[in-house]
Protein backbone atom coordinates (compact mmCIF):
# COMPACT_ATOMS: atom_id res chain seq x y z
CA MET A 1 30.27 -91.16 -20.03
CA THR A 2 31.41 -88.15 -18.28
CA ASP A 3 33.90 -85.44 -19.81
CA CYS A 4 36.96 -85.80 -17.87
CA THR A 5 40.00 -88.00 -17.83
CA ASP A 6 39.85 -91.98 -18.99
CA LEU A 7 37.72 -93.47 -16.23
CA SER A 8 38.41 -96.99 -17.12
CA PHE A 9 40.79 -99.28 -15.49
CA TYR A 10 41.34 -103.23 -15.80
CA LEU A 11 41.61 -105.90 -13.02
CA ASN A 12 43.60 -108.72 -13.87
CA PHE A 13 43.20 -112.14 -12.07
CA ILE A 14 45.29 -114.99 -12.19
CA PHE A 15 43.89 -118.07 -10.62
CA LEU A 16 46.35 -120.06 -8.57
CA ASN A 17 44.40 -123.41 -7.63
CA SER A 18 41.61 -123.63 -10.10
CA SER A 19 42.36 -127.52 -10.54
CA GLU A 20 42.54 -128.22 -6.72
CA LEU A 21 39.39 -126.30 -5.83
CA VAL A 22 37.14 -127.91 -8.86
CA THR A 23 38.51 -131.26 -8.09
CA GLN A 24 37.61 -130.78 -4.30
CA LYS A 25 34.13 -129.53 -5.10
CA VAL A 26 33.31 -132.25 -7.61
CA LYS A 27 34.76 -134.87 -4.94
CA ASP A 28 32.51 -133.44 -2.24
CA LYS A 29 29.43 -133.63 -4.78
CA ILE A 30 29.96 -137.30 -6.00
CA GLY A 31 32.71 -138.81 -4.01
CA PHE A 32 35.58 -141.03 -5.20
CA LEU A 33 34.57 -140.99 -8.87
CA GLY A 34 34.46 -137.35 -8.65
CA GLY A 35 38.18 -137.40 -8.61
CA ILE A 36 38.41 -138.92 -11.98
CA ALA A 37 35.43 -136.79 -13.30
CA ALA A 38 37.29 -133.66 -12.22
CA LYS A 39 40.19 -134.37 -14.44
CA ALA A 40 38.06 -134.29 -17.49
CA ILE A 41 36.89 -130.66 -16.36
CA ASN A 42 38.83 -127.57 -17.79
CA ALA A 43 39.08 -126.09 -14.20
CA ASP A 44 40.62 -122.83 -15.35
CA ALA A 45 37.91 -122.37 -17.96
CA LYS A 46 35.10 -123.24 -15.44
CA ILE A 47 36.50 -120.66 -12.82
CA THR A 48 37.44 -117.81 -15.31
CA GLU A 49 33.84 -118.17 -16.47
CA ALA A 50 32.13 -118.26 -13.11
CA VAL A 51 34.24 -115.32 -11.65
CA SER A 52 33.75 -113.00 -14.80
CA SER A 53 29.98 -113.77 -14.66
CA LYS A 54 29.80 -112.86 -11.17
CA LEU A 55 31.85 -109.75 -11.13
CA SER A 56 30.10 -108.32 -14.11
CA VAL A 57 26.97 -108.68 -12.05
CA ALA A 58 27.79 -107.95 -8.70
CA ILE A 59 30.22 -104.87 -9.12
CA PRO A 60 27.83 -102.73 -10.80
CA GLU A 61 25.12 -103.40 -8.45
CA ALA A 62 27.38 -102.58 -5.34
CA THR A 63 28.72 -99.39 -6.89
CA LYS A 64 25.18 -98.37 -7.91
CA GLU A 65 24.23 -98.21 -4.23
CA MET A 66 27.20 -95.74 -3.76
CA GLY A 67 25.54 -93.68 -6.41
CA LEU A 68 28.07 -94.94 -9.29
CA LYS A 69 27.22 -96.38 -12.59
CA ILE A 70 29.98 -98.69 -13.61
CA VAL A 71 30.07 -100.73 -16.78
CA THR A 72 32.03 -103.85 -16.67
CA GLU A 73 33.43 -106.04 -19.73
CA THR A 74 35.24 -109.27 -19.74
CA VAL A 75 38.07 -108.76 -22.26
CA PHE A 76 39.86 -111.93 -21.68
CA LYS A 77 39.60 -115.31 -20.38
CA GLN A 78 42.12 -117.85 -21.20
CA GLY A 79 43.64 -120.52 -18.86
CA PRO A 80 44.18 -119.02 -15.34
CA VAL A 81 44.02 -115.54 -16.60
CA CYS A 82 41.03 -113.29 -16.54
CA VAL A 83 40.73 -109.65 -17.37
CA VAL A 84 37.70 -107.46 -16.51
CA LYS A 85 37.51 -103.93 -17.95
CA PHE A 86 35.66 -101.48 -15.37
CA THR A 87 34.27 -98.01 -16.89
CA ILE A 88 32.80 -95.28 -14.37
CA ASP A 89 29.99 -94.06 -16.75
CA GLY A 90 28.56 -91.59 -14.33
CA ALA A 91 27.96 -90.80 -10.71
CA ASP A 92 25.59 -88.92 -8.36
CA PRO A 93 28.07 -86.57 -6.43
CA VAL A 94 25.45 -86.43 -3.54
CA ALA A 95 24.98 -90.11 -3.06
CA LEU A 96 28.94 -90.52 -3.35
CA ILE A 97 29.45 -87.94 -0.55
CA ASN A 98 26.72 -89.19 1.55
CA LYS A 99 28.25 -92.80 1.24
CA ALA A 100 31.92 -91.74 1.88
CA LYS A 101 31.60 -88.92 4.41
CA GLY A 102 28.01 -89.26 6.10
CA GLU A 103 24.72 -87.54 5.71
CA ASP A 104 25.92 -84.12 6.87
CA ALA A 105 28.32 -84.09 4.04
CA GLY A 106 26.06 -85.07 1.58
CA ASN A 107 23.33 -82.66 2.48
CA ALA A 108 26.23 -79.88 2.21
CA MET A 109 26.96 -81.28 -1.32
CA LYS A 110 23.46 -80.97 -2.12
CA ASN A 111 23.25 -77.50 -1.06
CA ILE A 112 26.42 -76.62 -3.12
CA ILE A 113 25.00 -78.18 -6.36
CA ALA A 114 21.61 -76.18 -5.82
CA ALA A 115 23.77 -73.01 -5.11
CA MET A 116 25.68 -73.47 -8.64
CA ASP A 117 22.29 -73.92 -10.35
CA VAL A 118 20.76 -70.93 -8.87
CA LEU A 119 23.93 -68.82 -9.35
CA GLY A 120 24.06 -70.32 -13.07
CA VAL A 121 27.40 -71.58 -12.68
CA GLU A 122 28.50 -73.37 -16.01
CA GLY A 123 28.63 -76.98 -15.97
CA GLY A 124 27.95 -76.98 -12.24
CA ALA A 125 27.10 -80.50 -10.93
CA LYS A 126 28.95 -82.02 -13.95
CA ASN A 127 32.13 -80.11 -13.11
CA VAL A 128 32.09 -81.38 -9.49
CA GLU A 129 31.46 -84.99 -10.88
CA ASN A 130 34.37 -84.60 -13.16
CA LYS A 131 36.61 -83.47 -10.15
CA MET A 132 35.63 -86.28 -8.16
CA LEU A 133 35.45 -89.39 -10.51
CA PRO A 134 39.27 -89.66 -10.83
CA LYS A 135 39.83 -89.71 -7.19
CA VAL A 136 36.92 -92.54 -7.07
CA LYS A 137 38.59 -94.54 -9.64
CA ALA A 138 41.82 -94.69 -7.95
CA GLY A 139 40.10 -95.68 -4.82
CA LEU A 140 38.08 -98.36 -6.52
CA MET A 141 41.29 -99.62 -8.30
CA GLU A 142 42.75 -99.95 -4.92
CA LYS A 143 39.79 -101.67 -3.01
CA LEU A 144 38.36 -104.01 -5.55
CA SER A 145 42.12 -105.59 -6.25
CA THR A 146 42.41 -106.24 -2.39
CA ARG A 147 38.79 -107.15 -1.48
CA ILE A 148 38.01 -109.29 -4.53
CA PRO A 149 40.93 -111.67 -3.76
CA ALA A 150 40.27 -111.65 -0.26
CA LYS A 151 36.55 -112.84 -0.71
CA MET A 152 37.55 -115.32 -3.33
CA GLU A 153 40.10 -116.81 -0.89
CA GLU A 154 37.29 -117.18 1.90
CA ALA A 155 35.68 -119.38 -0.77
CA GLY A 156 38.97 -121.43 -1.13
CA LEU A 157 40.01 -119.84 -4.47
CA LYS A 158 43.32 -118.22 -4.41
CA CYS A 159 44.16 -115.62 -7.11
CA LYS A 160 46.59 -112.71 -7.46
CA CYS A 161 44.71 -109.68 -8.69
CA VAL A 162 46.51 -106.64 -10.26
CA ALA A 163 44.68 -103.29 -11.08
CA ASN A 164 45.99 -101.24 -14.27
CA GLU A 165 45.38 -98.10 -15.84
CA PRO A 166 44.61 -98.38 -19.50
CA ALA A 167 48.21 -97.05 -20.45
CA GLU A 168 49.61 -99.65 -18.52
CA GLN A 169 47.55 -102.60 -19.29
CA ALA A 170 49.08 -103.90 -22.33
CA ASP A 171 52.68 -104.01 -21.14
CA TRP A 172 51.63 -105.79 -17.73
CA PHE A 173 49.43 -108.23 -19.73
CA TYR A 174 52.04 -109.31 -22.31
CA ASN A 175 54.35 -109.86 -19.47
CA ALA A 176 52.10 -111.69 -17.49
CA LEU A 177 51.07 -114.12 -20.45
CA LYS A 178 55.01 -114.64 -21.10
CA GLN A 179 55.71 -115.84 -17.49
CA ILE A 180 52.63 -117.93 -17.47
CA GLY A 181 53.63 -119.56 -20.93
CA SER A 182 57.34 -120.23 -19.53
CA LYS A 183 55.90 -122.08 -16.41
């Protein structure tokens, strides 16, 4: 883990049409009797399990290509709610710059880091990483909270996704559960 500020964040998913999606998929597979069989399936549990499993693998793989190491943990799955905690656990500043700004910028970053090492700048590359990662985290929170629901909707699953900092998570989470419980 890096030495800078908290590099964790939460993505909170509230699934809006789990039952309809599972019922339709079962009907498509086994026909008329599928509607009856689908009623016996806990659609929310099936969807939250599938989503949390896929995110736990797909996000770290995708971010690894960008030069980021991310650890995921599903911290809550109940009813239509799934909460996944993401923690940035390191980065390759050169790869990040390469991906974000292009190869020339990546080469320039490589030269800057090499110069820091030659000059004996204490903390060199680690200081650069510590300055970059909070900005990377903010960008990831924004992108993931919009792109993941869009991808889910393409597959027929409608959801609301809210990204929270750790300090905001408890308040948001308990309010969300309270609202869901009152419906």
